[in-house]
């Protein structure tokens, strides 16, 4: 690989928005960040993905759940071998309180490491 091609690959990895790649989330408009990092591990098969939609619905992967189920689903996923880290995809227009409740439930489920995904 030429040095120029290596530079282009490196730039693509840094600049490529997370929302373009299917990481197993429901469709949410991720908030924009100027210095977002590309998290390739969010696309791993055992990654624990939680989404909060614009209208306040909660999802684990593609499956819709209630807020009361979230902590139990997180515990269950970790018991089945999921990584002990949650990747949270919250819609940019979701209410702060709705996202805060999801974070609290994830922590109640025993997860302390939470990555909030952005574009």
Protein backbone atom coordinates (compact mmCIF):
# COMPACT_ATOMS: atom_id res chain seq x y z
CA UNK A 1 0.00 0.00 0.00
CA UNK A 2 1.38 3.40 -0.91
CA UNK A 3 1.79 6.04 1.83
CA UNK A 4 -0.91 8.17 0.17
CA UNK A 5 -3.41 5.30 0.24
CA UNK A 6 -2.57 4.72 3.92
CA UNK A 7 -3.29 8.37 4.67
CA UNK A 8 -6.65 8.18 2.90
CA UNK A 9 -7.61 5.04 4.81
CA UNK A 10 -6.63 6.68 8.11
CA UNK A 11 -8.61 9.82 7.26
CA UNK A 12 -11.64 7.76 6.30
CA UNK A 13 -11.53 5.92 9.64
CA UNK A 14 -11.37 9.20 11.54
CA UNK A 15 -13.94 11.14 9.51
CA UNK A 16 -16.48 8.42 8.56
CA UNK A 17 -19.72 9.06 10.44
CA UNK A 18 -21.06 6.28 12.66
CA UNK A 19 -24.59 6.70 11.27
CA UNK A 20 -23.57 5.46 7.81
CA UNK A 21 -22.62 1.98 9.02
CA UNK A 22 -25.26 -0.43 10.34
CA UNK A 23 -24.31 -1.16 13.94
CA UNK A 24 -27.55 -2.94 14.74
CA UNK A 25 -29.48 0.05 15.99
CA UNK A 26 -32.89 1.32 15.10
CA UNK A 27 -32.84 4.44 12.95
CA UNK A 28 -31.99 7.45 15.10
CA UNK A 29 -30.50 10.79 14.10
CA UNK A 30 -27.33 10.85 16.15
CA UNK A 31 -26.14 14.20 17.51
CA UNK A 32 -23.32 15.87 15.58
CA UNK A 33 -19.93 16.30 17.21
CA UNK A 34 -16.91 18.11 15.88
CA UNK A 35 -14.34 15.65 17.26
CA UNK A 36 -16.17 12.32 17.31
CA UNK A 37 -14.10 9.13 17.46
CA UNK A 38 -14.94 6.16 15.27
CA UNK A 39 -15.80 3.21 17.53
CA UNK A 40 -15.35 0.05 15.50
CA UNK A 41 -16.08 -2.06 18.56
CA UNK A 42 -19.68 -0.76 18.53
CA UNK A 43 -20.23 -2.97 15.50
CA UNK A 44 -19.03 -6.16 17.17
CA UNK A 45 -21.52 -9.00 17.36
CA UNK A 46 -21.39 -9.09 21.17
CA UNK A 47 -21.71 -5.31 21.57
CA UNK A 48 -24.62 -4.29 23.78
CA UNK A 49 -26.52 -1.59 21.91
CA UNK A 50 -29.27 0.55 23.45
CA UNK A 51 -31.20 3.14 21.45
CA UNK A 52 -33.53 5.94 22.50
CA UNK A 53 -35.82 7.18 19.72
CA UNK A 54 -37.02 10.71 19.17
CA UNK A 55 -40.45 9.83 20.55
CA UNK A 56 -39.04 8.27 23.75
CA UNK A 57 -39.08 4.57 22.86
CA UNK A 58 -36.29 2.28 24.07
CA UNK A 59 -34.57 -0.49 22.10
CA UNK A 60 -31.95 -3.13 22.77
CA UNK A 61 -30.54 -3.91 19.35
CA UNK A 62 -33.64 -3.82 17.10
CA UNK A 63 -36.05 -5.00 19.79
CA UNK A 64 -38.35 -2.44 21.43
CA UNK A 65 -38.60 -2.73 25.21
CA UNK A 66 -40.11 -0.75 28.06
CA UNK A 67 -37.96 1.33 30.39
CA UNK A 68 -38.71 -1.10 33.22
CA UNK A 69 -37.26 -3.99 31.20
CA UNK A 70 -33.99 -2.24 30.32
CA UNK A 71 -31.95 -3.17 33.42
CA UNK A 72 -33.04 -6.82 33.19
CA UNK A 73 -32.24 -7.00 29.47
CA UNK A 74 -28.78 -5.55 30.11
CA UNK A 75 -28.10 -8.10 32.87
CA UNK A 76 -29.36 -10.91 30.65
CA UNK A 77 -27.18 -9.83 27.71
CA UNK A 78 -24.05 -9.70 29.90
CA UNK A 79 -24.91 -13.12 31.33
CA UNK A 80 -25.09 -14.47 27.75
CA UNK A 81 -21.61 -13.10 27.00
CA UNK A 82 -22.10 -9.51 25.80
CA UNK A 83 -19.33 -7.02 26.44
CA UNK A 84 -19.72 -5.18 29.78
CA UNK A 85 -20.08 -1.89 27.95
CA UNK A 86 -23.18 -0.27 26.47
CA UNK A 87 -23.21 1.72 23.25
CA UNK A 88 -26.02 4.26 23.56
CA UNK A 89 -27.53 5.72 20.40
CA UNK A 90 -29.88 8.51 21.45
CA UNK A 91 -31.71 10.54 18.85
CA UNK A 92 -30.53 14.15 18.76
CA UNK A 93 -34.12 15.31 19.38
CA UNK A 94 -34.87 12.88 22.21
CA UNK A 95 -35.71 14.59 25.47
CA UNK A 96 -32.86 14.83 27.95
CA UNK A 97 -34.96 13.26 30.71
CA UNK A 98 -35.73 10.22 28.54
CA UNK A 99 -32.05 9.61 27.82
CA UNK A 100 -31.14 10.19 31.47
CA UNK A 101 -33.66 7.52 32.54
CA UNK A 102 -32.11 5.07 30.06
CA UNK A 103 -28.62 5.78 31.45
CA UNK A 104 -29.86 5.20 35.01
CA UNK A 105 -31.45 1.87 34.04
CA UNK A 106 -28.31 0.73 32.24
CA UNK A 107 -26.29 1.51 35.37
CA UNK A 108 -28.89 -0.29 37.51
CA UNK A 109 -28.31 -3.29 35.23
CA UNK A 110 -24.68 -3.38 36.35
CA UNK A 111 -22.98 -1.54 33.48
CA UNK A 112 -20.62 1.27 34.42
CA UNK A 113 -19.00 1.86 31.02
CA UNK A 114 -21.33 3.62 28.58
CA UNK A 115 -20.30 5.04 25.19
CA UNK A 116 -22.67 7.65 23.78
CA UNK A 117 -22.57 7.47 19.99
CA UNK A 118 -22.46 10.60 17.83
CA UNK A 119 -21.80 11.48 14.20
